[in-house]
Amino acid sequence: MKASRASGLPDPYSRIKLFADLSAATLQFRKNLTPVTTTLRDHNIAYRWGYPAKLLIHYRDALHAIPTLELGIAKLQSWGLQMPEVHRHLPSKVPRLSPEWTVN
């Protein structure tokens, strides 16, 4: 997305804008994982978002899939990474993406 905004497209395409189309549940999931992603950035650890909603962390030559905030915090603790005090609280409600969602 960043590359598409930075590149200058020739006319008639110069006015085209691209937007990420993410559901409210996905955005909330990502927001709830802020304590984990902030800690990863503070320690220069690469991560990316996976689908369905999960955090994919590249650490110690392995890929770790984190589907919940609780597992993310546990993984950070097992690696000996400390989260800043401001991020230690858990959100009051963590929405779960339903595996039953289907397209008919």
N, C-alpha and C. Protein backbone atom coordinates (compact mmCIF):
# COMPACT_ATOMS: atom_id res chain seq x y z
N MET A 1 0.82 -1.18 0.00
CA MET A 1 0.00 0.00 0.00
C MET A 1 0.88 1.26 0.00
N LYS A 2 1.92 1.24 0.81
CA LYS A 2 2.79 2.40 0.87
C LYS A 2 3.45 2.65 -0.48
N ALA A 3 3.87 1.58 -1.15
CA ALA A 3 4.52 1.72 -2.45
C ALA A 3 3.56 2.29 -3.49
N SER A 4 2.29 1.90 -3.42
CA SER A 4 1.32 2.40 -4.39
C SER A 4 1.07 3.90 -4.21
N ARG A 5 1.15 4.37 -2.97
CA ARG A 5 0.95 5.80 -2.73
C ARG A 5 2.18 6.61 -3.12
N ALA A 6 3.36 6.02 -3.01
CA ALA A 6 4.60 6.73 -3.28
C ALA A 6 4.91 6.81 -4.78
N SER A 7 4.49 5.82 -5.54
CA SER A 7 4.83 5.82 -6.96
C SER A 7 3.91 6.76 -7.72
N GLY A 8 4.50 7.50 -8.62
CA GLY A 8 3.72 8.40 -9.45
C GLY A 8 3.23 7.68 -10.69
N LEU A 9 1.95 7.41 -10.77
CA LEU A 9 1.39 6.74 -11.92
C LEU A 9 1.12 7.76 -13.03
N PRO A 10 1.28 7.33 -14.27
CA PRO A 10 0.99 8.26 -15.38
C PRO A 10 -0.51 8.45 -15.55
N ASP A 11 -0.88 9.54 -16.22
CA ASP A 11 -2.29 9.76 -16.54
C ASP A 11 -2.76 8.66 -17.47
N PRO A 12 -3.94 8.20 -17.40
CA PRO A 12 -5.10 8.63 -16.64
C PRO A 12 -5.20 7.96 -15.27
N TYR A 13 -4.14 7.29 -14.83
CA TYR A 13 -4.18 6.51 -13.59
C TYR A 13 -3.71 7.29 -12.36
N SER A 14 -3.29 8.51 -12.53
CA SER A 14 -2.70 9.27 -11.44
C SER A 14 -3.67 9.56 -10.30
N ARG A 15 -4.97 9.50 -10.56
CA ARG A 15 -5.95 9.81 -9.51
C ARG A 15 -6.51 8.55 -8.84
N ILE A 16 -6.03 7.39 -9.21
CA ILE A 16 -6.51 6.15 -8.60
C ILE A 16 -5.94 6.03 -7.18
N LYS A 17 -6.79 5.68 -6.24
CA LYS A 17 -6.36 5.49 -4.86
C LYS A 17 -6.70 4.07 -4.44
N LEU A 18 -5.78 3.45 -3.72
CA LEU A 18 -5.97 2.09 -3.22
C LEU A 18 -6.17 2.14 -1.71
N PHE A 19 -7.10 1.32 -1.22
CA PHE A 19 -7.37 1.26 0.20
C PHE A 19 -7.43 -0.19 0.64
N ALA A 20 -6.96 -0.45 1.84
CA ALA A 20 -7.07 -1.78 2.41
C ALA A 20 -8.53 -2.01 2.78
N ASP A 21 -9.06 -3.15 2.41
CA ASP A 21 -10.45 -3.47 2.70
C ASP A 21 -10.46 -4.54 3.79
N LEU A 22 -10.48 -4.10 5.03
CA LEU A 22 -10.43 -5.01 6.17
C LEU A 22 -11.71 -4.90 6.97
N SER A 23 -12.18 -6.03 7.47
CA SER A 23 -13.41 -6.04 8.26
C SER A 23 -13.17 -5.38 9.62
N ALA A 24 -14.24 -5.00 10.27
CA ALA A 24 -14.15 -4.41 11.61
C ALA A 24 -13.54 -5.40 12.59
N ALA A 25 -13.86 -6.68 12.45
CA ALA A 25 -13.31 -7.70 13.35
C ALA A 25 -11.79 -7.83 13.17
N THR A 26 -11.33 -7.77 11.93
CA THR A 26 -9.90 -7.85 11.66
C THR A 26 -9.17 -6.64 12.21
N LEU A 27 -9.73 -5.46 12.01
CA LEU A 27 -9.12 -4.24 12.55
C LEU A 27 -9.07 -4.28 14.07
N GLN A 28 -10.14 -4.76 14.72
CA GLN A 28 -10.16 -4.86 16.17
C GLN A 28 -9.13 -5.88 16.66
N PHE A 29 -9.00 -7.00 15.95
CA PHE A 29 -8.02 -8.01 16.29
C PHE A 29 -6.61 -7.41 16.26
N ARG A 30 -6.31 -6.67 15.21
CA ARG A 30 -4.99 -6.05 15.09
C ARG A 30 -4.76 -5.02 16.19
N LYS A 31 -5.80 -4.27 16.52
CA LYS A 31 -5.67 -3.27 17.59
C LYS A 31 -5.42 -3.95 18.93
N ASN A 32 -6.10 -5.06 19.17
CA ASN A 32 -5.92 -5.77 20.43
C ASN A 32 -4.52 -6.36 20.57
N LEU A 33 -3.84 -6.63 19.47
CA LEU A 33 -2.49 -7.18 19.52
C LEU A 33 -1.42 -6.09 19.59
N THR A 34 -1.82 -4.84 19.79
CA THR A 34 -0.87 -3.74 19.88
C THR A 34 0.22 -3.97 20.92
N PRO A 35 -0.07 -4.52 22.11
CA PRO A 35 1.02 -4.75 23.07
C PRO A 35 2.10 -5.68 22.51
N VAL A 36 1.69 -6.68 21.76
CA VAL A 36 2.64 -7.64 21.20
C VAL A 36 3.43 -6.99 20.07
N THR A 37 2.74 -6.31 19.15
CA THR A 37 3.44 -5.72 18.01
C THR A 37 4.37 -4.59 18.45
N THR A 38 3.98 -3.82 19.46
CA THR A 38 4.85 -2.76 19.97
C THR A 38 6.12 -3.36 20.55
N THR A 39 5.99 -4.43 21.31
CA THR A 39 7.15 -5.10 21.89
C THR A 39 8.05 -5.66 20.80
N LEU A 40 7.45 -6.25 19.77
CA LEU A 40 8.25 -6.79 18.67
C LEU A 40 9.02 -5.68 17.97
N ARG A 41 8.37 -4.55 17.71
CA ARG A 41 9.06 -3.43 17.07
C ARG A 41 10.18 -2.88 17.96
N ASP A 42 9.93 -2.81 19.27
CA ASP A 42 10.95 -2.32 20.20
C ASP A 42 12.20 -3.20 20.18
N HIS A 43 12.03 -4.48 19.87
CA HIS A 43 13.15 -5.42 19.84
C HIS A 43 13.59 -5.76 18.42
N ASN A 44 13.12 -4.99 17.44
CA ASN A 44 13.49 -5.18 16.02
C ASN A 44 13.25 -6.60 15.53
N ILE A 45 12.09 -7.15 15.87
CA ILE A 45 11.71 -8.49 15.43
C ILE A 45 10.66 -8.35 14.33
N ALA A 46 10.91 -9.02 13.21
CA ALA A 46 10.02 -8.92 12.05
C ALA A 46 8.73 -9.69 12.29
N TYR A 47 7.62 -9.10 11.82
CA TYR A 47 6.33 -9.77 11.89
C TYR A 47 5.48 -9.32 10.71
N ARG A 48 4.42 -10.06 10.45
CA ARG A 48 3.46 -9.66 9.43
C ARG A 48 2.11 -10.24 9.83
N TRP A 49 1.07 -9.77 9.16
CA TRP A 49 -0.28 -10.24 9.45
C TRP A 49 -0.61 -11.39 8.52
N GLY A 50 -1.24 -12.42 9.07
CA GLY A 50 -1.66 -13.57 8.28
C GLY A 50 -3.17 -13.61 8.15
N TYR A 51 -3.61 -14.54 7.33
CA TYR A 51 -5.05 -14.73 7.12
C TYR A 51 -5.35 -16.21 7.29
N PRO A 52 -6.42 -16.59 7.98
CA PRO A 52 -7.30 -15.72 8.77
C PRO A 52 -6.51 -15.06 9.89
N ALA A 53 -7.12 -14.11 10.56
CA ALA A 53 -6.43 -13.20 11.47
C ALA A 53 -5.48 -13.92 12.42
N LYS A 54 -4.20 -13.64 12.22
CA LYS A 54 -3.14 -14.12 13.10
C LYS A 54 -1.92 -13.26 12.84
N LEU A 55 -1.03 -13.27 13.81
CA LEU A 55 0.22 -12.55 13.70
C LEU A 55 1.31 -13.57 13.40
N LEU A 56 2.09 -13.33 12.36
CA LEU A 56 3.18 -14.22 11.98
C LEU A 56 4.49 -13.54 12.36
N ILE A 57 5.25 -14.18 13.25
CA ILE A 57 6.47 -13.59 13.78
C ILE A 57 7.67 -14.40 13.28
N HIS A 58 8.65 -13.71 12.71
CA HIS A 58 9.90 -14.34 12.28
C HIS A 58 10.92 -14.12 13.40
N TYR A 59 11.26 -15.20 14.11
CA TYR A 59 12.17 -15.06 15.25
C TYR A 59 13.00 -16.33 15.39
N ARG A 60 14.29 -16.16 15.55
CA ARG A 60 15.23 -17.28 15.72
C ARG A 60 15.09 -18.31 14.60
N ASP A 61 15.10 -17.83 13.37
CA ASP A 61 15.03 -18.67 12.17
C ASP A 61 13.80 -19.56 12.13
N ALA A 62 12.70 -19.09 12.71
CA ALA A 62 11.45 -19.85 12.68
C ALA A 62 10.28 -18.88 12.51
N LEU A 63 9.18 -19.40 12.00
CA LEU A 63 7.96 -18.62 11.84
C LEU A 63 6.97 -19.09 12.91
N HIS A 64 6.48 -18.15 13.71
CA HIS A 64 5.56 -18.44 14.79
C HIS A 64 4.21 -17.80 14.48
N ALA A 65 3.13 -18.58 14.53
CA ALA A 65 1.78 -18.07 14.29
C ALA A 65 1.10 -17.79 15.62
N ILE A 66 0.61 -16.58 15.79
CA ILE A 66 -0.03 -16.15 17.03
C ILE A 66 -1.48 -15.79 16.73
N PRO A 67 -2.46 -16.65 17.09
CA PRO A 67 -3.85 -16.36 16.79
C PRO A 67 -4.59 -15.58 17.88
N THR A 68 -4.01 -15.45 19.09
CA THR A 68 -4.69 -14.74 20.17
C THR A 68 -3.69 -13.86 20.93
N LEU A 69 -4.21 -12.85 21.60
CA LEU A 69 -3.37 -11.98 22.41
C LEU A 69 -2.70 -12.76 23.53
N GLU A 70 -3.43 -13.64 24.16
CA GLU A 70 -2.88 -14.41 25.28
C GLU A 70 -1.69 -15.24 24.85
N LEU A 71 -1.80 -15.89 23.68
CA LEU A 71 -0.68 -16.69 23.18
C LEU A 71 0.49 -15.80 22.78
N GLY A 72 0.20 -14.62 22.27
CA GLY A 72 1.26 -13.69 21.93
C GLY A 72 2.05 -13.24 23.14
N ILE A 73 1.35 -12.92 24.21
CA ILE A 73 2.01 -12.51 25.45
C ILE A 73 2.83 -13.66 26.02
N ALA A 74 2.26 -14.88 26.00
CA ALA A 74 2.98 -16.05 26.50
C ALA A 74 4.24 -16.31 25.69
N LYS A 75 4.17 -16.14 24.37
CA LYS A 75 5.33 -16.36 23.50
C LYS A 75 6.42 -15.34 23.80
N LEU A 76 6.03 -14.07 23.97
CA LEU A 76 7.01 -13.04 24.30
C LEU A 76 7.70 -13.35 25.63
N GLN A 77 6.92 -13.79 26.61
CA GLN A 77 7.48 -14.12 27.91
C GLN A 77 8.43 -15.31 27.81
N SER A 78 8.08 -16.29 26.98
CA SER A 78 8.96 -17.46 26.83
C SER A 78 10.27 -17.09 26.17
N TRP A 79 10.27 -16.01 25.36
CA TRP A 79 11.50 -15.52 24.73
C TRP A 79 12.26 -14.55 25.63
N GLY A 80 11.70 -14.23 26.78
CA GLY A 80 12.35 -13.31 27.71
C GLY A 80 12.22 -11.85 27.30
N LEU A 81 11.23 -11.52 26.51
CA LEU A 81 11.01 -10.14 26.07
C LEU A 81 10.01 -9.47 27.00
N GLN A 82 10.36 -8.31 27.50
CA GLN A 82 9.50 -7.58 28.42
C GLN A 82 8.65 -6.56 27.67
N MET A 83 7.37 -6.54 27.99
CA MET A 83 6.48 -5.54 27.41
C MET A 83 6.53 -4.29 28.28
N PRO A 84 6.42 -3.12 27.67
CA PRO A 84 6.35 -1.89 28.46
C PRO A 84 5.14 -1.93 29.40
N GLU A 85 5.26 -1.33 30.55
CA GLU A 85 4.19 -1.36 31.57
C GLU A 85 2.87 -0.84 31.02
N VAL A 86 2.93 0.16 30.16
CA VAL A 86 1.71 0.75 29.63
C VAL A 86 0.91 -0.26 28.80
N HIS A 87 1.57 -1.30 28.27
CA HIS A 87 0.89 -2.27 27.41
C HIS A 87 0.57 -3.60 28.11
N ARG A 88 0.75 -3.68 29.40
CA ARG A 88 0.56 -4.95 30.10
C ARG A 88 -0.91 -5.31 30.33
N HIS A 89 -1.82 -4.35 30.23
CA HIS A 89 -3.23 -4.67 30.47
C HIS A 89 -3.82 -5.36 29.25
N LEU A 90 -4.74 -6.26 29.48
CA LEU A 90 -5.43 -6.95 28.40
C LEU A 90 -6.70 -6.18 28.06
N PRO A 91 -7.10 -6.16 26.80
CA PRO A 91 -8.35 -5.50 26.46
C PRO A 91 -9.52 -6.19 27.14
N SER A 92 -10.56 -5.43 27.41
CA SER A 92 -11.70 -5.99 28.13
C SER A 92 -12.44 -7.04 27.32
N LYS A 93 -12.45 -6.89 26.01
CA LYS A 93 -13.16 -7.84 25.17
C LYS A 93 -12.33 -8.11 23.92
N VAL A 94 -12.00 -9.36 23.70
CA VAL A 94 -11.23 -9.74 22.52
C VAL A 94 -12.14 -10.52 21.60
N PRO A 95 -12.54 -9.92 20.46
CA PRO A 95 -13.44 -10.63 19.56
C PRO A 95 -12.74 -11.80 18.90
N ARG A 96 -13.47 -12.86 18.70
CA ARG A 96 -12.95 -14.04 18.02
C ARG A 96 -13.57 -14.08 16.63
N LEU A 97 -12.76 -14.36 15.64
CA LEU A 97 -13.28 -14.53 14.29
C LEU A 97 -13.88 -15.92 14.19
N SER A 98 -15.08 -15.97 13.77
CA SER A 98 -15.81 -17.24 13.72
C SER A 98 -15.37 -18.08 12.53
N PRO A 99 -14.97 -19.37 12.76
CA PRO A 99 -14.62 -20.24 11.65
C PRO A 99 -15.83 -20.67 10.85
N GLU A 100 -17.04 -20.42 11.38
CA GLU A 100 -18.25 -20.83 10.69
C GLU A 100 -18.67 -19.87 9.58
N TRP A 101 -18.00 -18.72 9.47
CA TRP A 101 -18.36 -17.77 8.44
C TRP A 101 -18.12 -18.39 7.07
N THR A 102 -19.13 -18.43 6.27
CA THR A 102 -19.00 -18.97 4.92
C THR A 102 -19.67 -18.05 3.93
N VAL A 103 -19.28 -18.19 2.70
CA VAL A 103 -19.89 -17.42 1.63
C VAL A 103 -20.82 -18.36 0.89
N ASN A 104 -22.09 -17.97 0.78
CA ASN A 104 -23.07 -18.82 0.10
C ASN A 104 -23.27 -18.37 -1.32
